[in-house]
Amino acid sequence: MSCFVVVFLMFVLAPTVFTQTWTYSTATGSQPDVSNIRSVGVLAYDKPQDNALSAWQTLPFPWGFAGEAVTGYFISDNGYITFDADATVSYPYNESDPMRNAICGFWDDLHLQEGTPIWSNQVWTATTGDAPDRRHVVMWASAVPAGASWEVSNVSFAIVLYERGGFDVVLVAGKTPRPLSGSIGAVSADGSVAAWVAGSPRLDYPNIIADPDDDIRYSFS
């Protein structure tokens, strides 16, 4: 069942009370742009990575975030992208100076672990569709929480940017025999506009399998 909620909250480590926000809805089911990324995507960020940002990624179409035009982004192994072209730090979950100007697919202390099976612990990107209805996908494939190994715990999720505006966060698969929690949402460059999925920053990652029919989508507008 879909639901719309407006989240006004004080982020766990920031003093500002947000008075504006995105609105989000939820749905469950297959997400083709994510399911097909192996055949249409490119490897954007490879293992091993721990608290690091990727090279700058250029957006394939003009896009606006929190009322500002953005042209590209950095990928963090910690589960988010930031549109801040001057960013140099990848913030693990619950750092005292959290990032801004970012979308969090699943912000936690994650890393891309070396020595795991092919097509794991990597971030892939893809652009699908035709203008003006293109989608740009950024997908973390089997990222590992700090202190765990790939065989014990890993998560796969994606951020999808829509050319006409708005974005999705899609939870694709998770192997989580131990509790794994983080944040899903977004925050503007100055922190004045934000939205976080209820339960963040301690939102449990669900146990979902690789079958696309149980993917969980959060659509922000």
Protein backbone atom coordinates (compact mmCIF):
# COMPACT_ATOMS: atom_id res chain seq x y z
CA MET A 1 0.00 0.00 0.00
CA SER A 2 1.31 3.46 -0.89
CA CYS A 3 1.29 6.29 1.59
CA PHE A 4 2.30 9.91 1.57
CA VAL A 5 3.92 11.38 4.59
CA VAL A 6 5.65 14.64 5.24
CA VAL A 7 8.55 14.29 7.57
CA PHE A 8 9.50 17.28 9.73
CA LEU A 9 12.25 16.34 12.08
CA MET A 10 15.46 17.41 13.61
CA PHE A 11 18.28 15.32 12.16
CA VAL A 12 20.04 13.40 14.87
CA LEU A 13 23.21 15.46 14.82
CA ALA A 14 22.11 18.81 13.34
CA PRO A 15 20.61 21.67 15.34
CA THR A 16 18.35 23.03 12.59
CA VAL A 17 14.64 22.19 12.55
CA PHE A 18 13.64 21.73 8.92
CA THR A 19 10.53 23.65 7.92
CA GLN A 20 10.35 22.44 4.31
CA THR A 21 10.70 19.01 2.88
CA TRP A 22 10.11 16.65 0.02
CA THR A 23 7.11 14.35 0.09
CA TYR A 24 7.57 10.63 -0.40
CA SER A 25 5.46 7.59 -1.18
CA THR A 26 6.26 3.88 -0.93
CA ALA A 27 5.60 0.91 -3.20
CA THR A 28 6.76 -2.69 -3.53
CA GLY A 29 7.48 -4.53 -6.76
CA SER A 30 9.84 -4.90 -9.68
CA GLN A 31 11.86 -1.85 -10.71
CA PRO A 32 13.12 -2.46 -14.29
CA ASP A 33 15.80 0.24 -14.27
CA VAL A 34 17.44 -1.48 -11.32
CA SER A 35 16.84 -5.07 -12.41
CA ASN A 36 18.46 -4.51 -15.82
CA ILE A 37 21.49 -2.49 -14.74
CA ARG A 38 23.88 -5.38 -15.37
CA SER A 39 23.13 -5.28 -19.10
CA VAL A 40 22.96 -1.50 -19.59
CA GLY A 41 25.12 -0.05 -16.80
CA VAL A 42 28.75 0.97 -16.41
CA LEU A 43 31.05 0.36 -13.45
CA ALA A 44 31.42 3.76 -11.77
CA TYR A 45 33.14 2.86 -8.49
CA ASP A 46 35.03 -0.34 -7.78
CA LYS A 47 36.22 -2.11 -4.62
CA PRO A 48 38.05 -1.80 -2.30
CA GLN A 49 36.75 1.47 -0.79
CA ASP A 50 36.35 2.53 2.83
CA ASN A 51 35.09 6.04 3.70
CA ALA A 52 36.00 7.42 0.28
CA LEU A 53 34.39 9.38 -2.55
CA SER A 54 34.44 8.40 -6.20
CA ALA A 55 35.66 10.52 -9.06
CA TRP A 56 33.20 13.24 -10.12
CA GLN A 57 30.26 11.81 -12.09
CA THR A 58 28.64 14.08 -14.70
CA LEU A 59 24.85 13.98 -14.91
CA PRO A 60 23.52 13.04 -18.38
CA PHE A 61 20.76 15.67 -18.30
CA PRO A 62 20.05 19.03 -16.60
CA TRP A 63 18.69 18.44 -13.12
CA GLY A 64 17.62 20.45 -10.10
CA PHE A 65 18.03 19.54 -6.44
CA ALA A 66 16.34 21.54 -3.67
CA GLY A 67 15.78 24.41 -6.08
CA GLU A 68 19.36 24.53 -7.36
CA ALA A 69 20.75 23.32 -10.69
CA VAL A 70 23.32 20.53 -10.29
CA THR A 71 25.61 19.08 -12.95
CA GLY A 72 27.12 16.02 -11.29
CA TYR A 73 27.86 14.20 -8.07
CA PHE A 74 30.32 12.15 -6.04
CA ILE A 75 29.47 8.59 -4.96
CA SER A 76 30.19 7.64 -1.35
CA ASP A 77 30.81 4.03 -0.39
CA ASN A 78 28.73 4.93 2.68
CA GLY A 79 25.53 4.83 0.64
CA TYR A 80 24.89 8.36 -0.60
CA ILE A 81 25.65 10.75 -3.44
CA THR A 82 26.55 14.39 -2.91
CA PHE A 83 26.14 17.19 -5.45
CA ASP A 84 28.78 19.28 -3.65
CA ALA A 85 31.60 19.66 -6.19
CA ASP A 86 33.97 20.70 -3.39
CA ALA A 87 33.34 17.64 -1.20
CA THR A 88 36.46 15.76 -0.12
CA VAL A 89 35.19 13.60 2.78
CA SER A 90 32.97 10.51 2.75
CA TYR A 91 31.03 10.61 6.01
CA PRO A 92 30.26 7.35 7.78
CA TYR A 93 26.86 7.10 9.39
CA ASN A 94 26.39 9.37 12.44
CA GLU A 95 29.50 11.49 11.94
CA SER A 96 29.35 14.69 13.97
CA ASP A 97 29.56 16.86 10.83
CA PRO A 98 27.20 15.13 8.38
CA MET A 99 27.31 15.80 4.67
CA ARG A 100 24.96 18.22 2.94
CA ASN A 101 23.60 18.57 -0.59
CA ALA A 102 23.06 14.83 -0.75
CA ILE A 103 20.64 11.97 -1.39
CA CYS A 104 21.02 8.96 0.88
CA GLY A 105 20.16 5.57 -0.61
CA PHE A 106 21.05 3.91 2.67
CA TRP A 107 23.48 6.03 4.69
CA ASP A 108 25.46 3.84 7.04
CA ASP A 109 29.08 2.95 7.77
CA LEU A 110 29.48 0.78 4.67
CA HIS A 111 32.43 -0.22 2.54
CA LEU A 112 33.17 -1.91 -0.76
CA GLN A 113 35.04 -5.03 0.24
CA GLU A 114 37.82 -6.64 -1.76
CA GLY A 115 37.92 -10.36 -2.45
CA THR A 116 34.20 -10.96 -2.99
CA PRO A 117 32.42 -12.59 -5.96
CA ILE A 118 32.21 -10.81 -9.28
CA TRP A 119 29.72 -7.94 -9.53
CA SER A 120 29.73 -7.41 -5.77
CA ASN A 121 30.94 -4.49 -3.66
CA GLN A 122 30.76 -2.12 -6.61
CA VAL A 123 28.65 0.88 -7.67
CA TRP A 124 27.12 0.88 -11.13
CA THR A 125 25.39 3.67 -13.03
CA ALA A 126 23.05 3.67 -16.01
CA THR A 127 20.92 6.15 -17.95
CA THR A 128 17.74 4.75 -19.47
CA GLY A 129 14.74 6.09 -21.41
CA ASP A 130 14.49 8.90 -23.93
CA ALA A 131 14.47 12.67 -23.37
CA PRO A 132 12.64 14.25 -21.66
CA ASP A 133 11.86 11.13 -19.63
CA ARG A 134 15.31 9.74 -18.94
CA ARG A 135 16.28 8.10 -15.67
CA HIS A 136 19.76 8.06 -14.18
CA VAL A 137 20.45 5.14 -11.83
CA VAL A 138 23.21 4.80 -9.23
CA MET A 139 23.27 1.30 -7.69
CA TRP A 140 25.35 -0.09 -4.83
CA ALA A 141 25.78 -3.84 -5.41
CA SER A 142 26.35 -5.76 -2.17
CA ALA A 143 27.99 -3.12 0.00
CA VAL A 144 29.13 -4.43 3.38
CA PRO A 145 28.51 -2.82 6.79
CA ALA A 146 31.57 -2.01 8.89
CA GLY A 147 32.71 -4.93 11.00
CA ALA A 148 31.00 -7.56 8.83
CA SER A 149 32.01 -9.72 5.90
CA TRP A 150 30.22 -10.11 2.58
CA GLU A 151 29.19 -13.66 3.43
CA VAL A 152 27.50 -12.52 6.65
CA SER A 153 25.86 -9.21 5.75
CA ASN A 154 25.48 -7.10 2.61
CA VAL A 155 23.00 -4.67 1.10
CA SER A 156 22.07 -3.61 -2.43
CA PHE A 157 20.15 -0.42 -3.18
CA ALA A 158 19.84 2.31 -5.79
CA ILE A 159 19.09 5.99 -6.29
CA VAL A 160 17.12 6.87 -9.43
CA LEU A 161 17.03 10.49 -10.70
CA TYR A 162 14.19 11.47 -13.05
CA GLU A 163 14.86 13.98 -15.83
CA ARG A 164 11.53 15.72 -15.16
CA GLY A 165 12.39 16.02 -11.45
CA GLY A 166 12.18 13.94 -8.31
CA PHE A 167 14.04 10.82 -7.34
CA ASP A 168 13.56 7.29 -6.01
CA VAL A 169 15.46 5.17 -3.53
CA VAL A 170 15.07 1.46 -4.24
CA LEU A 171 16.03 -1.29 -1.79
CA VAL A 172 17.02 -4.26 -3.95
CA ALA A 173 18.37 -7.02 -1.70
CA GLY A 174 19.74 -7.47 1.79
CA LYS A 175 21.42 -10.26 3.69
CA THR A 176 21.20 -9.05 7.25
CA PRO A 177 21.27 -11.71 9.97
CA ARG A 178 22.38 -9.02 12.40
CA PRO A 179 20.66 -5.63 12.84
CA LEU A 180 21.68 -3.12 10.16
CA SER A 181 20.19 0.36 10.31
CA GLY A 182 20.74 3.68 8.58
CA SER A 183 19.10 6.65 6.87
CA ILE A 184 17.12 7.06 3.66
CA GLY A 185 16.36 10.59 2.51
CA ALA A 186 17.87 13.85 1.33
CA VAL A 187 19.18 17.16 2.63
CA SER A 188 19.86 20.44 0.83
CA ALA A 189 23.18 22.31 0.69
CA ASP A 190 22.39 24.50 3.71
CA GLY A 191 20.41 21.90 5.61
CA SER A 192 17.19 23.91 5.49
CA VAL A 193 15.31 21.43 3.30
CA ALA A 194 15.30 17.75 4.17
CA ALA A 195 13.22 14.61 4.23
CA TRP A 196 14.01 11.32 5.93
CA VAL A 197 12.08 8.08 5.73
CA ALA A 198 10.38 7.36 9.06
CA GLY A 199 12.75 5.40 11.27
CA SER A 200 15.90 7.18 10.07
CA PRO A 201 18.63 7.36 11.28
CA ARG A 202 17.95 3.91 12.72
CA LEU A 203 15.83 2.55 9.89
CA ASP A 204 16.31 -1.21 9.71
CA TYR A 205 17.30 -2.59 6.33
CA PRO A 206 14.68 -5.23 5.51
CA ASN A 207 15.53 -8.81 4.65
CA ILE A 208 14.65 -8.83 0.95
CA ILE A 209 15.85 -11.31 -1.65
CA ALA A 210 17.29 -10.77 -5.11
CA ASP A 211 13.89 -11.51 -6.69
CA PRO A 212 12.82 -8.09 -8.07
CA ASP A 213 9.19 -8.57 -7.06
CA ASP A 214 9.97 -7.63 -3.45
CA ASP A 215 12.01 -4.49 -4.15
CA ILE A 216 10.92 -1.53 -1.99
CA ARG A 217 10.72 1.91 -3.64
CA TYR A 218 10.62 5.29 -1.91
CA SER A 219 9.59 7.99 -4.41
CA PHE A 220 10.44 11.59 -3.47
CA SER A 221 8.88 14.65 -5.10
